[in-house]
Amino acid sequence: MTHEMVATLRPLLAAEASAEAHATGAEPGDLEQAVWVRLLERLGTDGAPADPQRWLRRAVRAETRRSRRTARFERPYGAEPADDRRPGPEQRILSAARHRALHDAVRRLPGRCPRLMAALLSPRDLTYREIAGELGISQGSLGPERSRCLGCLRRLLSPEVAAHEARG
């Protein structure tokens, strides 16, 4: 296939593929690629078509029909596998390791910080009033206490985070 033929046919193929693709729900780029492959195959067996533009239009329509036929037999997934947001085994293992590291660091915190952080991380989603009642402290001191505990936790975790980032 000569560069001249490609340069001549490229705009026509793009226009034809675009016009046909939207009617069938196919991607124009997929149709273009399929027609280029057909042209290469033809050049290898029968040589260049006598009327390349006419051949190209026919090839686009033939590929469109083929695409339509195959689409009838295709069944969509319930969810697109590539877009599946559910974590795979690797993500679950890494997530579990992060949770263990966090909970280990929380247990090493000083004073009542472990209890406070456990209450804040609780799946029961406690309110500040409930947490203050559980810990026996005033609700007003809960914010400053939480800030102090988070600072300690940040200092505890920063070497672990740095080590993890150096490995990963």
N, C-alpha and C. Protein backbone atom coordinates (compact mmCIF):
# COMPACT_ATOMS: atom_id res chain seq x y z
N MET A 1 0.87 -1.17 0.00
CA MET A 1 0.00 0.00 0.00
C MET A 1 0.91 1.22 0.00
N THR A 2 0.69 2.10 -0.91
CA THR A 2 1.55 3.26 -1.02
C THR A 2 1.09 4.36 -0.08
N HIS A 3 2.01 5.25 0.22
CA HIS A 3 1.68 6.39 1.09
C HIS A 3 0.66 7.29 0.41
N GLU A 4 0.73 7.37 -0.91
CA GLU A 4 -0.23 8.19 -1.66
C GLU A 4 -1.64 7.65 -1.49
N MET A 5 -1.78 6.32 -1.59
CA MET A 5 -3.10 5.70 -1.45
C MET A 5 -3.65 5.94 -0.05
N VAL A 6 -2.80 5.79 0.96
CA VAL A 6 -3.24 6.02 2.34
C VAL A 6 -3.65 7.47 2.52
N ALA A 7 -2.83 8.40 2.02
CA ALA A 7 -3.14 9.82 2.15
C ALA A 7 -4.43 10.18 1.44
N THR A 8 -4.68 9.55 0.30
CA THR A 8 -5.89 9.83 -0.47
C THR A 8 -7.12 9.24 0.20
N LEU A 9 -7.00 8.03 0.73
CA LEU A 9 -8.16 7.32 1.27
C LEU A 9 -8.48 7.68 2.73
N ARG A 10 -7.50 8.14 3.47
CA ARG A 10 -7.72 8.40 4.90
C ARG A 10 -8.90 9.33 5.17
N PRO A 11 -9.01 10.51 4.55
CA PRO A 11 -10.16 11.39 4.85
C PRO A 11 -11.50 10.76 4.46
N LEU A 12 -11.52 10.09 3.31
CA LEU A 12 -12.75 9.44 2.86
C LEU A 12 -13.14 8.33 3.83
N LEU A 13 -12.18 7.53 4.24
CA LEU A 13 -12.47 6.45 5.19
C LEU A 13 -12.97 7.00 6.51
N ALA A 14 -12.34 8.05 7.01
CA ALA A 14 -12.78 8.64 8.28
C ALA A 14 -14.22 9.13 8.18
N ALA A 15 -14.56 9.79 7.07
CA ALA A 15 -15.92 10.30 6.89
C ALA A 15 -16.93 9.16 6.76
N GLU A 16 -16.61 8.18 5.95
CA GLU A 16 -17.52 7.04 5.75
C GLU A 16 -17.72 6.26 7.05
N ALA A 17 -16.63 5.98 7.74
CA ALA A 17 -16.71 5.21 8.99
C ALA A 17 -17.50 5.98 10.03
N SER A 18 -17.29 7.27 10.12
CA SER A 18 -18.02 8.09 11.08
C SER A 18 -19.51 8.08 10.79
N ALA A 19 -19.87 8.23 9.51
CA ALA A 19 -21.29 8.24 9.13
C ALA A 19 -21.95 6.89 9.40
N GLU A 20 -21.29 5.81 9.10
CA GLU A 20 -21.87 4.49 9.28
C GLU A 20 -21.87 4.03 10.74
N ALA A 21 -20.82 4.40 11.46
CA ALA A 21 -20.68 3.92 12.84
C ALA A 21 -21.80 4.42 13.73
N HIS A 22 -22.16 5.66 13.60
CA HIS A 22 -23.19 6.22 14.48
C HIS A 22 -24.55 5.57 14.25
N ALA A 23 -24.80 5.11 13.05
CA ALA A 23 -26.07 4.44 12.76
C ALA A 23 -26.13 3.05 13.38
N THR A 24 -24.97 2.43 13.59
CA THR A 24 -24.96 1.06 14.11
C THR A 24 -24.52 0.96 15.56
N GLY A 25 -24.02 2.06 16.11
CA GLY A 25 -23.53 2.03 17.49
C GLY A 25 -22.09 1.55 17.59
N ALA A 26 -21.43 1.40 16.46
CA ALA A 26 -20.02 0.97 16.46
C ALA A 26 -19.13 2.20 16.66
N GLU A 27 -17.89 1.94 16.95
CA GLU A 27 -16.91 3.02 17.06
C GLU A 27 -16.32 3.29 15.68
N PRO A 28 -16.27 4.56 15.26
CA PRO A 28 -15.69 4.87 13.94
C PRO A 28 -14.26 4.35 13.80
N GLY A 29 -13.46 4.48 14.84
CA GLY A 29 -12.08 4.01 14.78
C GLY A 29 -11.99 2.51 14.55
N ASP A 30 -12.93 1.75 15.13
CA ASP A 30 -12.94 0.31 14.92
C ASP A 30 -13.25 -0.04 13.46
N LEU A 31 -14.21 0.68 12.90
CA LEU A 31 -14.54 0.45 11.49
C LEU A 31 -13.37 0.80 10.59
N GLU A 32 -12.74 1.94 10.88
CA GLU A 32 -11.58 2.34 10.07
C GLU A 32 -10.50 1.27 10.11
N GLN A 33 -10.20 0.81 11.31
CA GLN A 33 -9.15 -0.20 11.46
C GLN A 33 -9.50 -1.47 10.69
N ALA A 34 -10.75 -1.91 10.79
CA ALA A 34 -11.16 -3.13 10.10
C ALA A 34 -11.02 -2.97 8.58
N VAL A 35 -11.36 -1.79 8.06
CA VAL A 35 -11.26 -1.56 6.61
C VAL A 35 -9.80 -1.52 6.18
N TRP A 36 -8.93 -0.90 6.98
CA TRP A 36 -7.50 -0.89 6.64
C TRP A 36 -6.96 -2.31 6.58
N VAL A 37 -7.38 -3.14 7.52
CA VAL A 37 -6.93 -4.54 7.53
C VAL A 37 -7.43 -5.26 6.27
N ARG A 38 -8.70 -5.03 5.93
CA ARG A 38 -9.25 -5.64 4.71
C ARG A 38 -8.46 -5.21 3.47
N LEU A 39 -8.08 -3.91 3.44
CA LEU A 39 -7.33 -3.42 2.29
C LEU A 39 -5.95 -4.07 2.22
N LEU A 40 -5.31 -4.20 3.37
CA LEU A 40 -4.00 -4.87 3.40
C LEU A 40 -4.11 -6.31 2.92
N GLU A 41 -5.15 -7.00 3.38
CA GLU A 41 -5.35 -8.38 2.96
C GLU A 41 -5.57 -8.45 1.44
N ARG A 42 -6.36 -7.51 0.93
CA ARG A 42 -6.64 -7.51 -0.51
C ARG A 42 -5.38 -7.22 -1.31
N LEU A 43 -4.58 -6.28 -0.82
CA LEU A 43 -3.34 -5.95 -1.53
C LEU A 43 -2.42 -7.15 -1.59
N GLY A 44 -2.44 -7.96 -0.53
CA GLY A 44 -1.60 -9.15 -0.49
C GLY A 44 -2.05 -10.25 -1.42
N THR A 45 -3.35 -10.32 -1.73
CA THR A 45 -3.86 -11.41 -2.56
C THR A 45 -4.21 -10.96 -3.98
N ASP A 46 -5.02 -9.91 -4.09
CA ASP A 46 -5.54 -9.50 -5.41
C ASP A 46 -4.91 -8.21 -5.94
N GLY A 47 -4.10 -7.55 -5.15
CA GLY A 47 -3.53 -6.28 -5.58
C GLY A 47 -4.47 -5.12 -5.28
N ALA A 48 -4.07 -3.94 -5.70
CA ALA A 48 -4.86 -2.74 -5.43
C ALA A 48 -6.18 -2.77 -6.20
N PRO A 49 -7.26 -2.28 -5.56
CA PRO A 49 -8.54 -2.23 -6.27
C PRO A 49 -8.46 -1.25 -7.45
N ALA A 50 -9.24 -1.52 -8.49
CA ALA A 50 -9.24 -0.64 -9.66
C ALA A 50 -9.79 0.74 -9.31
N ASP A 51 -10.84 0.76 -8.48
CA ASP A 51 -11.43 2.03 -8.03
C ASP A 51 -11.37 2.04 -6.50
N PRO A 52 -10.26 2.55 -5.92
CA PRO A 52 -10.07 2.47 -4.46
C PRO A 52 -11.19 3.14 -3.65
N GLN A 53 -11.69 4.29 -4.12
CA GLN A 53 -12.75 4.98 -3.37
C GLN A 53 -14.03 4.14 -3.34
N ARG A 54 -14.39 3.56 -4.46
CA ARG A 54 -15.60 2.72 -4.51
C ARG A 54 -15.40 1.48 -3.63
N TRP A 55 -14.23 0.86 -3.73
CA TRP A 55 -13.93 -0.31 -2.92
C TRP A 55 -14.03 0.04 -1.44
N LEU A 56 -13.50 1.20 -1.07
CA LEU A 56 -13.49 1.62 0.33
C LEU A 56 -14.92 1.79 0.85
N ARG A 57 -15.77 2.45 0.08
CA ARG A 57 -17.16 2.65 0.51
C ARG A 57 -17.86 1.30 0.71
N ARG A 58 -17.62 0.39 -0.19
CA ARG A 58 -18.23 -0.94 -0.08
C ARG A 58 -17.68 -1.69 1.14
N ALA A 59 -16.39 -1.55 1.37
CA ALA A 59 -15.77 -2.23 2.51
C ALA A 59 -16.32 -1.68 3.82
N VAL A 60 -16.51 -0.38 3.90
CA VAL A 60 -17.07 0.22 5.12
C VAL A 60 -18.47 -0.34 5.36
N ARG A 61 -19.29 -0.39 4.33
CA ARG A 61 -20.64 -0.92 4.50
C ARG A 61 -20.63 -2.40 4.87
N ALA A 62 -19.73 -3.16 4.29
CA ALA A 62 -19.62 -4.58 4.62
C ALA A 62 -19.20 -4.75 6.09
N GLU A 63 -18.26 -3.95 6.54
CA GLU A 63 -17.83 -4.04 7.95
C GLU A 63 -18.94 -3.60 8.88
N THR A 64 -19.74 -2.63 8.44
CA THR A 64 -20.88 -2.18 9.25
C THR A 64 -21.89 -3.30 9.40
N ARG A 65 -22.17 -3.99 8.30
CA ARG A 65 -23.10 -5.13 8.36
C ARG A 65 -22.56 -6.23 9.28
N ARG A 66 -21.27 -6.51 9.14
CA ARG A 66 -20.64 -7.53 9.99
C ARG A 66 -20.75 -7.13 11.46
N SER A 67 -20.50 -5.87 11.73
CA SER A 67 -20.58 -5.36 13.10
C SER A 67 -21.99 -5.49 13.65
N ARG A 68 -22.98 -5.17 12.81
CA ARG A 68 -24.37 -5.28 13.23
C ARG A 68 -24.75 -6.74 13.53
N ARG A 69 -24.28 -7.66 12.67
CA ARG A 69 -24.57 -9.09 12.88
C ARG A 69 -23.95 -9.58 14.19
N THR A 70 -22.71 -9.22 14.41
CA THR A 70 -22.05 -9.70 15.64
C THR A 70 -22.68 -9.08 16.87
N ALA A 71 -23.12 -7.83 16.77
CA ALA A 71 -23.74 -7.17 17.92
C ALA A 71 -25.01 -7.89 18.36
N ARG A 72 -25.71 -8.51 17.41
CA ARG A 72 -26.94 -9.25 17.76
C ARG A 72 -26.65 -10.42 18.69
N PHE A 73 -25.46 -11.02 18.55
CA PHE A 73 -25.13 -12.20 19.34
C PHE A 73 -24.38 -11.86 20.63
N GLU A 74 -23.95 -10.63 20.75
CA GLU A 74 -23.20 -10.23 21.95
C GLU A 74 -24.17 -9.97 23.08
N ARG A 75 -23.79 -10.35 24.26
CA ARG A 75 -24.59 -10.11 25.45
C ARG A 75 -23.76 -9.24 26.40
N PRO A 76 -24.32 -8.12 26.83
CA PRO A 76 -23.54 -7.25 27.72
C PRO A 76 -23.38 -7.88 29.10
N TYR A 77 -22.27 -7.55 29.75
CA TYR A 77 -22.08 -7.96 31.13
C TYR A 77 -23.03 -7.16 32.00
N GLY A 78 -23.34 -7.70 33.18
CA GLY A 78 -24.15 -6.95 34.13
C GLY A 78 -23.44 -5.67 34.52
N ALA A 79 -22.16 -5.76 34.69
CA ALA A 79 -21.32 -4.60 34.96
C ALA A 79 -20.08 -4.75 34.10
N GLU A 80 -19.63 -3.69 33.55
CA GLU A 80 -18.43 -3.73 32.70
C GLU A 80 -17.24 -4.15 33.55
N PRO A 81 -16.56 -5.26 33.21
CA PRO A 81 -15.46 -5.74 34.06
C PRO A 81 -14.38 -4.69 34.28
N ALA A 82 -14.06 -3.91 33.26
CA ALA A 82 -13.00 -2.91 33.42
C ALA A 82 -13.42 -1.80 34.36
N ASP A 83 -14.74 -1.58 34.50
CA ASP A 83 -15.23 -0.52 35.37
C ASP A 83 -15.65 -1.05 36.73
N ASP A 84 -15.39 -2.31 36.99
CA ASP A 84 -15.81 -2.92 38.24
C ASP A 84 -15.10 -2.25 39.40
N ARG A 85 -15.85 -1.62 40.25
CA ARG A 85 -15.27 -0.88 41.37
C ARG A 85 -15.03 -1.76 42.60
N ARG A 86 -15.53 -2.99 42.54
CA ARG A 86 -15.31 -3.88 43.68
C ARG A 86 -13.83 -4.21 43.77
N PRO A 87 -13.30 -4.20 44.98
CA PRO A 87 -11.87 -4.49 45.11
C PRO A 87 -11.56 -5.96 44.83
N GLY A 88 -10.45 -6.18 44.18
CA GLY A 88 -9.99 -7.53 43.92
C GLY A 88 -9.24 -8.05 45.14
N PRO A 89 -8.73 -9.27 45.06
CA PRO A 89 -8.04 -9.86 46.22
C PRO A 89 -6.84 -9.04 46.66
N GLU A 90 -6.09 -8.48 45.70
CA GLU A 90 -4.90 -7.70 46.06
C GLU A 90 -5.30 -6.46 46.86
N GLN A 91 -6.36 -5.76 46.38
CA GLN A 91 -6.80 -4.56 47.08
C GLN A 91 -7.32 -4.88 48.47
N ARG A 92 -8.03 -6.01 48.59
CA ARG A 92 -8.55 -6.38 49.92
C ARG A 92 -7.40 -6.69 50.88
N ILE A 93 -6.38 -7.36 50.39
CA ILE A 93 -5.22 -7.68 51.25
C ILE A 93 -4.51 -6.41 51.68
N LEU A 94 -4.28 -5.50 50.73
CA LEU A 94 -3.61 -4.25 51.05
C LEU A 94 -4.45 -3.40 52.01
N SER A 95 -5.74 -3.37 51.78
CA SER A 95 -6.63 -2.61 52.66
C SER A 95 -6.62 -3.20 54.07
N ALA A 96 -6.65 -4.51 54.18
CA ALA A 96 -6.61 -5.16 55.50
C ALA A 96 -5.29 -4.86 56.20
N ALA A 97 -4.20 -4.86 55.45
CA ALA A 97 -2.89 -4.54 56.05
C ALA A 97 -2.87 -3.10 56.55
N ARG A 98 -3.45 -2.17 55.77
CA ARG A 98 -3.51 -0.77 56.23
C ARG A 98 -4.35 -0.64 57.48
N HIS A 99 -5.48 -1.35 57.52
CA HIS A 99 -6.33 -1.28 58.71
C HIS A 99 -5.60 -1.85 59.94
N ARG A 100 -4.89 -2.97 59.74
CA ARG A 100 -4.13 -3.53 60.87
C ARG A 100 -3.07 -2.55 61.36
N ALA A 101 -2.36 -1.92 60.42
CA ALA A 101 -1.32 -0.96 60.80
C ALA A 101 -1.93 0.21 61.54
N LEU A 102 -3.07 0.69 61.09
CA LEU A 102 -3.74 1.80 61.76
C LEU A 102 -4.17 1.40 63.17
N HIS A 103 -4.81 0.25 63.29
CA HIS A 103 -5.28 -0.18 64.61
C HIS A 103 -4.11 -0.49 65.55
N ASP A 104 -3.02 -1.02 65.03
CA ASP A 104 -1.82 -1.24 65.86
C ASP A 104 -1.27 0.08 66.36
N ALA A 105 -1.23 1.08 65.48
CA ALA A 105 -0.72 2.40 65.88
C ALA A 105 -1.66 3.03 66.89
N VAL A 106 -2.96 2.87 66.72
CA VAL A 106 -3.93 3.43 67.68
C VAL A 106 -3.72 2.82 69.05
N ARG A 107 -3.45 1.51 69.13
CA ARG A 107 -3.23 0.85 70.42
C ARG A 107 -1.97 1.36 71.11
N ARG A 108 -0.99 1.86 70.32
CA ARG A 108 0.26 2.35 70.91
C ARG A 108 0.18 3.82 71.35
N LEU A 109 -0.95 4.47 71.11
CA LEU A 109 -1.09 5.88 71.49
C LEU A 109 -1.09 6.03 73.01
N PRO A 110 -0.66 7.19 73.51
CA PRO A 110 -0.61 7.41 74.97
C PRO A 110 -1.99 7.76 75.55
N GLY A 111 -2.12 7.59 76.86
CA GLY A 111 -3.30 8.03 77.61
C GLY A 111 -4.60 7.43 77.12
N ARG A 112 -5.60 8.30 77.06
CA ARG A 112 -6.92 7.82 76.63
C ARG A 112 -7.12 7.90 75.12
N CYS A 113 -6.06 8.24 74.40
CA CYS A 113 -6.14 8.32 72.93
C CYS A 113 -6.60 7.01 72.28
N PRO A 114 -6.12 5.84 72.73
CA PRO A 114 -6.60 4.61 72.09
C PRO A 114 -8.12 4.46 72.18
N ARG A 115 -8.67 4.78 73.34
CA ARG A 115 -10.13 4.66 73.51
C ARG A 115 -10.87 5.70 72.66
N LEU A 116 -10.32 6.92 72.63
CA LEU A 116 -10.95 7.98 71.86
C LEU A 116 -10.93 7.64 70.36
N MET A 117 -9.77 7.21 69.86
CA MET A 117 -9.67 6.89 68.44
C MET A 117 -10.52 5.67 68.09
N ALA A 118 -10.57 4.70 68.98
CA ALA A 118 -11.42 3.53 68.74
C ALA A 118 -12.88 3.95 68.65
N ALA A 119 -13.28 4.89 69.50
CA ALA A 119 -14.66 5.38 69.46
C ALA A 119 -14.91 6.15 68.16
N LEU A 120 -13.94 6.95 67.73
CA LEU A 120 -14.10 7.70 66.48
C LEU A 120 -14.13 6.78 65.26
N LEU A 121 -13.36 5.68 65.31
CA LEU A 121 -13.31 4.73 64.20
C LEU A 121 -14.39 3.66 64.29
N SER A 122 -15.20 3.71 65.32
CA SER A 122 -16.20 2.67 65.55
C SER A 122 -17.21 2.60 64.40
N PRO A 123 -17.57 1.38 64.00
CA PRO A 123 -18.60 1.23 62.96
C PRO A 123 -19.98 1.69 63.45
N ARG A 124 -20.12 1.88 64.76
CA ARG A 124 -21.41 2.35 65.30
C ARG A 124 -21.65 3.81 64.98
N ASP A 125 -20.62 4.55 64.50
CA ASP A 125 -20.73 5.96 64.11
C ASP A 125 -21.31 6.80 65.25
N LEU A 126 -20.58 6.80 66.37
CA LEU A 126 -21.01 7.50 67.56
C LEU A 126 -20.96 9.02 67.39
N THR A 127 -21.85 9.73 68.06
CA THR A 127 -21.82 11.19 68.07
C THR A 127 -20.79 11.65 69.09
N TYR A 128 -20.40 12.94 69.03
CA TYR A 128 -19.46 13.47 70.01
C TYR A 128 -20.03 13.34 71.42
N ARG A 129 -21.32 13.55 71.59
CA ARG A 129 -21.96 13.43 72.91
C ARG A 129 -21.81 12.00 73.43
N GLU A 130 -22.03 11.00 72.56
CA GLU A 130 -21.92 9.60 72.99
C GLU A 130 -20.47 9.25 73.32
N ILE A 131 -19.52 9.75 72.53
CA ILE A 131 -18.11 9.48 72.79
C ILE A 131 -17.69 10.11 74.10
N ALA A 132 -18.09 11.36 74.31
CA ALA A 132 -17.75 12.05 75.56
C ALA A 132 -18.33 11.30 76.76
N GLY A 133 -19.55 10.80 76.63
CA GLY A 133 -20.16 10.03 77.71
C GLY A 133 -19.42 8.74 77.98
N GLU A 134 -18.99 8.04 76.92
CA GLU A 134 -18.24 6.79 77.09
C GLU A 134 -16.89 7.01 77.76
N LEU A 135 -16.24 8.12 77.40
CA LEU A 135 -14.91 8.38 77.94
C LEU A 135 -14.94 9.14 79.26
N GLY A 136 -16.11 9.65 79.63
CA GLY A 136 -16.23 10.40 80.89
C GLY A 136 -15.53 11.75 80.83
N ILE A 137 -15.56 12.41 79.69
CA ILE A 137 -14.97 13.75 79.56
C ILE A 137 -16.03 14.68 78.99
N SER A 138 -15.78 15.99 79.09
CA SER A 138 -16.76 16.94 78.57
C SER A 138 -16.71 16.95 77.04
N GLN A 139 -17.86 17.24 76.48
CA GLN A 139 -17.96 17.26 75.02
C GLN A 139 -17.07 18.36 74.44
N GLY A 140 -16.89 19.47 75.15
CA GLY A 140 -16.06 20.58 74.69
C GLY A 140 -14.59 20.23 74.61
N SER A 141 -14.13 19.31 75.46
CA SER A 141 -12.70 18.96 75.42
C SER A 141 -12.41 17.86 74.40
N LEU A 142 -13.46 17.32 73.80
CA LEU A 142 -13.29 16.22 72.86
C LEU A 142 -12.52 16.65 71.60
N GLY A 143 -12.83 17.84 71.06
CA GLY A 143 -12.15 18.33 69.86
C GLY A 143 -10.65 18.51 70.06
N PRO A 144 -10.23 19.26 71.11
CA PRO A 144 -8.79 19.41 71.35
C PRO A 144 -8.09 18.08 71.65
N GLU A 145 -8.77 17.20 72.37
CA GLU A 145 -8.21 15.88 72.67
C GLU A 145 -8.03 15.07 71.38
N ARG A 146 -9.03 15.12 70.53
CA ARG A 146 -8.96 14.43 69.24
C ARG A 146 -7.79 14.95 68.41
N SER A 147 -7.61 16.30 68.37
CA SER A 147 -6.50 16.89 67.62
C SER A 147 -5.16 16.42 68.15
N ARG A 148 -5.02 16.38 69.46
CA ARG A 148 -3.77 15.93 70.07
C ARG A 148 -3.51 14.46 69.72
N CYS A 149 -4.54 13.64 69.81
CA CYS A 149 -4.39 12.21 69.51
C CYS A 149 -4.06 11.99 68.03
N LEU A 150 -4.70 12.75 67.15
CA LEU A 150 -4.40 12.62 65.72
C LEU A 150 -2.96 13.03 65.41
N GLY A 151 -2.47 14.06 66.12
CA GLY A 151 -1.07 14.46 65.95
C GLY A 151 -0.13 13.34 66.36
N CYS A 152 -0.43 12.72 67.50
CA CYS A 152 0.39 11.58 67.95
C CYS A 152 0.33 10.44 66.95
N LEU A 153 -0.86 10.15 66.46
CA LEU A 153 -1.04 9.07 65.49
C LEU A 153 -0.27 9.37 64.21
N ARG A 154 -0.31 10.62 63.77
CA ARG A 154 0.42 11.02 62.56
C ARG A 154 1.92 10.78 62.75
N ARG A 155 2.44 11.16 63.92
CA ARG A 155 3.87 10.95 64.19
C ARG A 155 4.21 9.47 64.26
N LEU A 156 3.32 8.67 64.83
CA LEU A 156 3.55 7.22 64.90
C LEU A 156 3.54 6.58 63.51
N LEU A 157 2.62 7.02 62.67
CA LEU A 157 2.47 6.40 61.36
C LEU A 157 3.44 6.93 60.32
N SER A 158 3.99 8.12 60.49
CA SER A 158 4.84 8.68 59.44
C SER A 158 6.05 7.81 59.11
N PRO A 159 6.74 7.17 60.06
CA PRO A 159 7.83 6.28 59.65
C PRO A 159 7.31 5.06 58.86
N GLU A 160 6.15 4.53 59.25
CA GLU A 160 5.58 3.39 58.55
C GLU A 160 5.13 3.78 57.15
N VAL A 161 4.54 4.97 57.03
CA VAL A 161 4.10 5.44 55.72
C VAL A 161 5.31 5.68 54.83
N ALA A 162 6.35 6.28 55.40
CA ALA A 162 7.57 6.55 54.62
C ALA A 162 8.21 5.23 54.16
N ALA A 163 8.23 4.24 55.05
CA ALA A 163 8.81 2.94 54.68
C ALA A 163 7.98 2.27 53.59
N HIS A 164 6.65 2.38 53.71
CA HIS A 164 5.77 1.79 52.70
C HIS A 164 5.96 2.47 51.36
N GLU A 165 6.06 3.81 51.36
CA GLU A 165 6.26 4.54 50.10
C GLU A 165 7.62 4.23 49.48
N ALA A 166 8.62 3.99 50.31
CA ALA A 166 9.95 3.66 49.79
C ALA A 166 9.93 2.28 49.12
N ARG A 167 9.14 1.35 49.70
CA ARG A 167 9.03 0.00 49.12
C ARG A 167 8.18 0.02 47.85
N GLY A 168 7.09 0.80 47.87
CA GLY A 168 6.14 0.77 46.76
C GLY A 168 6.54 1.65 45.66
